[in-house]
Amino acid sequence: MRVSFLICSLIVATIYAGLETANAGAWCSQVNTGAGRIEENCGFASEETCRRTVLAGNRGFCIRNPAYQNPAVQNRRRPR
């Protein structure tokens, strides 16, 4: 029983770590791949790179990543 709990915990941790890296970019592309499926890729640093991917054959659009946190803004301290 403990072994199965440990295995499940490791699987969940691996999936969670993968989601954090997948949402690392400031821009997301949403592309309709057919049959009602929409794929989202949030790995773009700029809107221009996102647009190139969307317009390179697959049709979709680009939006700002709502989960993105700019590290430059987070680490900035106010002077005293």
N, C-alpha and C. Protein backbone atom coordinates (compact mmCIF):
# COMPACT_ATOMS: atom_id res chain seq x y z
N MET A 1 0.82 -1.19 0.00
CA MET A 1 0.00 0.00 0.00
C MET A 1 0.87 1.26 0.00
N ARG A 2 1.91 1.26 0.78
CA ARG A 2 2.80 2.43 0.84
C ARG A 2 3.55 2.61 -0.46
N VAL A 3 3.91 1.49 -1.09
CA VAL A 3 4.65 1.57 -2.34
C VAL A 3 3.77 2.18 -3.43
N SER A 4 2.51 1.78 -3.50
CA SER A 4 1.61 2.35 -4.52
C SER A 4 1.37 3.84 -4.27
N PHE A 5 1.29 4.25 -3.01
CA PHE A 5 1.13 5.67 -2.70
C PHE A 5 2.37 6.45 -3.12
N LEU A 6 3.54 5.88 -2.89
CA LEU A 6 4.79 6.53 -3.28
C LEU A 6 4.89 6.67 -4.80
N ILE A 7 4.50 5.64 -5.52
CA ILE A 7 4.54 5.68 -6.98
C ILE A 7 3.56 6.74 -7.51
N CYS A 8 2.36 6.77 -6.96
CA CYS A 8 1.37 7.77 -7.39
C CYS A 8 1.86 9.19 -7.09
N SER A 9 2.50 9.38 -5.95
CA SER A 9 3.03 10.70 -5.59
C SER A 9 4.12 11.13 -6.56
N LEU A 10 4.98 10.22 -6.95
CA LEU A 10 6.04 10.54 -7.90
C LEU A 10 5.47 10.88 -9.28
N ILE A 11 4.45 10.18 -9.69
CA ILE A 11 3.81 10.47 -10.99
C ILE A 11 3.18 11.86 -10.98
N VAL A 12 2.47 12.19 -9.92
CA VAL A 12 1.83 13.51 -9.81
C VAL A 12 2.90 14.61 -9.78
N ALA A 13 3.98 14.39 -9.06
CA ALA A 13 5.05 15.39 -9.00
C ALA A 13 5.69 15.59 -10.36
N THR A 14 5.87 14.52 -11.11
CA THR A 14 6.46 14.62 -12.45
C THR A 14 5.54 15.39 -13.38
N ILE A 15 4.26 15.11 -13.32
CA ILE A 15 3.30 15.82 -14.18
C ILE A 15 3.26 17.30 -13.80
N TYR A 16 3.26 17.61 -12.52
CA TYR A 16 3.22 19.00 -12.08
C TYR A 16 4.47 19.76 -12.53
N ALA A 17 5.62 19.13 -12.43
CA ALA A 17 6.86 19.78 -12.87
C ALA A 17 6.83 20.04 -14.36
N GLY A 18 6.26 19.13 -15.14
CA GLY A 18 6.13 19.32 -16.58
C GLY A 18 5.21 20.46 -16.93
N LEU A 19 4.15 20.67 -16.15
CA LEU A 19 3.23 21.76 -16.41
C LEU A 19 3.89 23.11 -16.15
N GLU A 20 4.73 23.19 -15.16
CA GLU A 20 5.41 24.45 -14.87
C GLU A 20 6.31 24.87 -16.03
N THR A 21 7.02 23.93 -16.63
CA THR A 21 7.89 24.29 -17.74
C THR A 21 7.09 24.56 -19.00
N ALA A 22 5.94 23.94 -19.14
CA ALA A 22 5.13 24.17 -20.33
C ALA A 22 4.53 25.57 -20.35
N ASN A 23 4.31 26.15 -19.19
CA ASN A 23 3.71 27.47 -19.10
C ASN A 23 4.76 28.55 -18.86
N ALA A 24 5.99 28.33 -19.30
CA ALA A 24 7.08 29.25 -19.00
C ALA A 24 7.07 30.52 -19.84
N GLY A 25 6.44 30.51 -21.00
CA GLY A 25 6.49 31.65 -21.89
C GLY A 25 5.45 32.71 -21.60
N ALA A 26 5.68 33.90 -22.14
CA ALA A 26 4.76 35.02 -21.93
C ALA A 26 3.56 34.96 -22.88
N TRP A 27 3.67 34.18 -23.98
CA TRP A 27 2.61 34.11 -24.98
C TRP A 27 2.20 32.67 -25.24
N CYS A 28 0.91 32.46 -25.51
CA CYS A 28 0.36 31.14 -25.80
C CYS A 28 -0.27 31.14 -27.19
N SER A 29 -0.08 30.04 -27.91
CA SER A 29 -0.79 29.86 -29.17
C SER A 29 -1.91 28.87 -28.93
N GLN A 30 -3.06 29.13 -29.53
CA GLN A 30 -4.18 28.21 -29.49
C GLN A 30 -4.53 27.88 -30.92
N VAL A 31 -4.38 26.59 -31.27
CA VAL A 31 -4.52 26.15 -32.65
C VAL A 31 -5.59 25.08 -32.73
N ASN A 32 -6.53 25.23 -33.67
CA ASN A 32 -7.55 24.22 -33.91
C ASN A 32 -6.94 23.13 -34.78
N THR A 33 -6.82 21.91 -34.22
CA THR A 33 -6.21 20.80 -34.96
C THR A 33 -7.24 19.90 -35.62
N GLY A 34 -8.49 20.27 -35.58
CA GLY A 34 -9.54 19.49 -36.23
C GLY A 34 -10.27 18.61 -35.23
N ALA A 35 -11.45 18.16 -35.63
CA ALA A 35 -12.31 17.29 -34.82
C ALA A 35 -12.62 17.91 -33.46
N GLY A 36 -12.68 19.23 -33.39
CA GLY A 36 -13.02 19.92 -32.15
C GLY A 36 -11.90 20.00 -31.13
N ARG A 37 -10.70 19.65 -31.50
CA ARG A 37 -9.56 19.71 -30.58
C ARG A 37 -8.82 21.04 -30.75
N ILE A 38 -8.48 21.62 -29.63
CA ILE A 38 -7.68 22.85 -29.63
C ILE A 38 -6.44 22.60 -28.80
N GLU A 39 -5.28 22.82 -29.40
CA GLU A 39 -4.01 22.64 -28.70
C GLU A 39 -3.48 23.99 -28.26
N GLU A 40 -2.95 24.02 -27.05
CA GLU A 40 -2.39 25.26 -26.51
C GLU A 40 -0.91 25.03 -26.20
N ASN A 41 -0.07 25.98 -26.65
CA ASN A 41 1.36 25.93 -26.40
C ASN A 41 1.77 27.27 -25.80
N CYS A 42 2.20 27.25 -24.56
CA CYS A 42 2.56 28.49 -23.86
C CYS A 42 4.07 28.62 -23.70
N GLY A 43 4.81 28.30 -24.74
CA GLY A 43 6.26 28.33 -24.66
C GLY A 43 6.90 29.44 -25.46
N PHE A 44 6.18 30.52 -25.73
CA PHE A 44 6.70 31.59 -26.59
C PHE A 44 7.10 32.81 -25.76
N ALA A 45 8.29 33.31 -26.02
CA ALA A 45 8.80 34.47 -25.30
C ALA A 45 8.23 35.78 -25.85
N SER A 46 7.85 35.79 -27.14
CA SER A 46 7.33 37.03 -27.72
C SER A 46 6.11 36.73 -28.59
N GLU A 47 5.35 37.76 -28.83
CA GLU A 47 4.17 37.62 -29.67
C GLU A 47 4.56 37.28 -31.11
N GLU A 48 5.68 37.81 -31.56
CA GLU A 48 6.13 37.57 -32.94
C GLU A 48 6.43 36.09 -33.17
N THR A 49 7.13 35.44 -32.25
CA THR A 49 7.42 34.01 -32.43
C THR A 49 6.15 33.18 -32.37
N CYS A 50 5.21 33.58 -31.57
CA CYS A 50 3.93 32.89 -31.50
C CYS A 50 3.18 33.02 -32.83
N ARG A 51 3.14 34.22 -33.37
CA ARG A 51 2.44 34.44 -34.64
C ARG A 51 3.07 33.65 -35.79
N ARG A 52 4.40 33.55 -35.80
CA ARG A 52 5.06 32.77 -36.85
C ARG A 52 4.62 31.32 -36.81
N THR A 53 4.50 30.78 -35.63
CA THR A 53 4.07 29.38 -35.50
C THR A 53 2.62 29.21 -35.93
N VAL A 54 1.77 30.12 -35.53
CA VAL A 54 0.35 30.01 -35.86
C VAL A 54 0.13 30.17 -37.36
N LEU A 55 0.86 31.07 -37.99
CA LEU A 55 0.66 31.33 -39.41
C LEU A 55 1.43 30.38 -40.31
N ALA A 56 2.25 29.50 -39.76
CA ALA A 56 3.08 28.60 -40.56
C ALA A 56 2.32 27.33 -40.95
N GLY A 57 1.06 27.42 -41.22
CA GLY A 57 0.30 26.26 -41.67
C GLY A 57 -0.92 26.02 -40.81
N ASN A 58 -0.74 25.89 -39.52
CA ASN A 58 -1.88 25.69 -38.63
C ASN A 58 -2.54 27.02 -38.35
N ARG A 59 -3.82 27.03 -38.34
CA ARG A 59 -4.56 28.27 -38.09
C ARG A 59 -4.98 28.35 -36.64
N GLY A 60 -4.78 29.51 -36.05
CA GLY A 60 -5.13 29.73 -34.66
C GLY A 60 -4.88 31.17 -34.29
N PHE A 61 -4.62 31.42 -33.01
CA PHE A 61 -4.36 32.78 -32.57
C PHE A 61 -3.46 32.76 -31.35
N CYS A 62 -2.91 33.92 -31.02
CA CYS A 62 -2.00 34.08 -29.89
C CYS A 62 -2.65 34.92 -28.81
N ILE A 63 -2.43 34.53 -27.56
CA ILE A 63 -2.93 35.30 -26.41
C ILE A 63 -1.80 35.39 -25.39
N ARG A 64 -1.91 36.36 -24.50
CA ARG A 64 -0.94 36.46 -23.39
C ARG A 64 -1.19 35.31 -22.43
N ASN A 65 -0.12 34.77 -21.86
CA ASN A 65 -0.21 33.68 -20.91
C ASN A 65 -0.64 34.25 -19.56
N PRO A 66 -1.83 33.89 -19.07
CA PRO A 66 -2.29 34.44 -17.80
C PRO A 66 -1.48 33.94 -16.60
N ALA A 67 -0.76 32.82 -16.74
CA ALA A 67 0.02 32.26 -15.64
C ALA A 67 1.46 32.76 -15.64
N TYR A 68 1.84 33.56 -16.63
CA TYR A 68 3.24 34.01 -16.74
C TYR A 68 3.55 35.06 -15.69
N GLN A 69 4.70 34.89 -15.02
CA GLN A 69 5.19 35.87 -14.07
C GLN A 69 6.58 36.29 -14.52
N ASN A 70 6.74 37.55 -14.85
CA ASN A 70 8.01 38.06 -15.34
C ASN A 70 9.04 38.04 -14.22
N PRO A 71 10.12 37.27 -14.39
CA PRO A 71 11.12 37.19 -13.31
C PRO A 71 11.84 38.51 -13.05
N ALA A 72 11.97 39.37 -14.04
CA ALA A 72 12.63 40.66 -13.84
C ALA A 72 11.80 41.55 -12.91
N VAL A 73 10.49 41.48 -13.02
CA VAL A 73 9.61 42.29 -12.18
C VAL A 73 9.52 41.69 -10.78
N GLN A 74 9.53 40.37 -10.68
CA GLN A 74 9.42 39.71 -9.37
C GLN A 74 10.61 40.00 -8.48
N ASN A 75 11.80 40.03 -9.04
CA ASN A 75 13.01 40.16 -8.23
C ASN A 75 13.42 41.60 -7.97
N ARG A 76 12.71 42.54 -8.53
CA ARG A 76 13.07 43.95 -8.35
C ARG A 76 12.70 44.41 -6.95
N ARG A 77 13.62 45.08 -6.30
CA ARG A 77 13.37 45.62 -4.97
C ARG A 77 13.27 47.13 -5.04
N ARG A 78 12.49 47.68 -4.17
CA ARG A 78 12.39 49.13 -4.08
C ARG A 78 13.56 49.69 -3.30
N PRO A 79 14.16 50.76 -3.79
CA PRO A 79 15.23 51.39 -3.00
C PRO A 79 14.66 52.09 -1.78
N ARG A 80 15.45 52.12 -0.73
CA ARG A 80 14.97 52.77 0.50
C ARG A 80 15.47 54.18 0.60
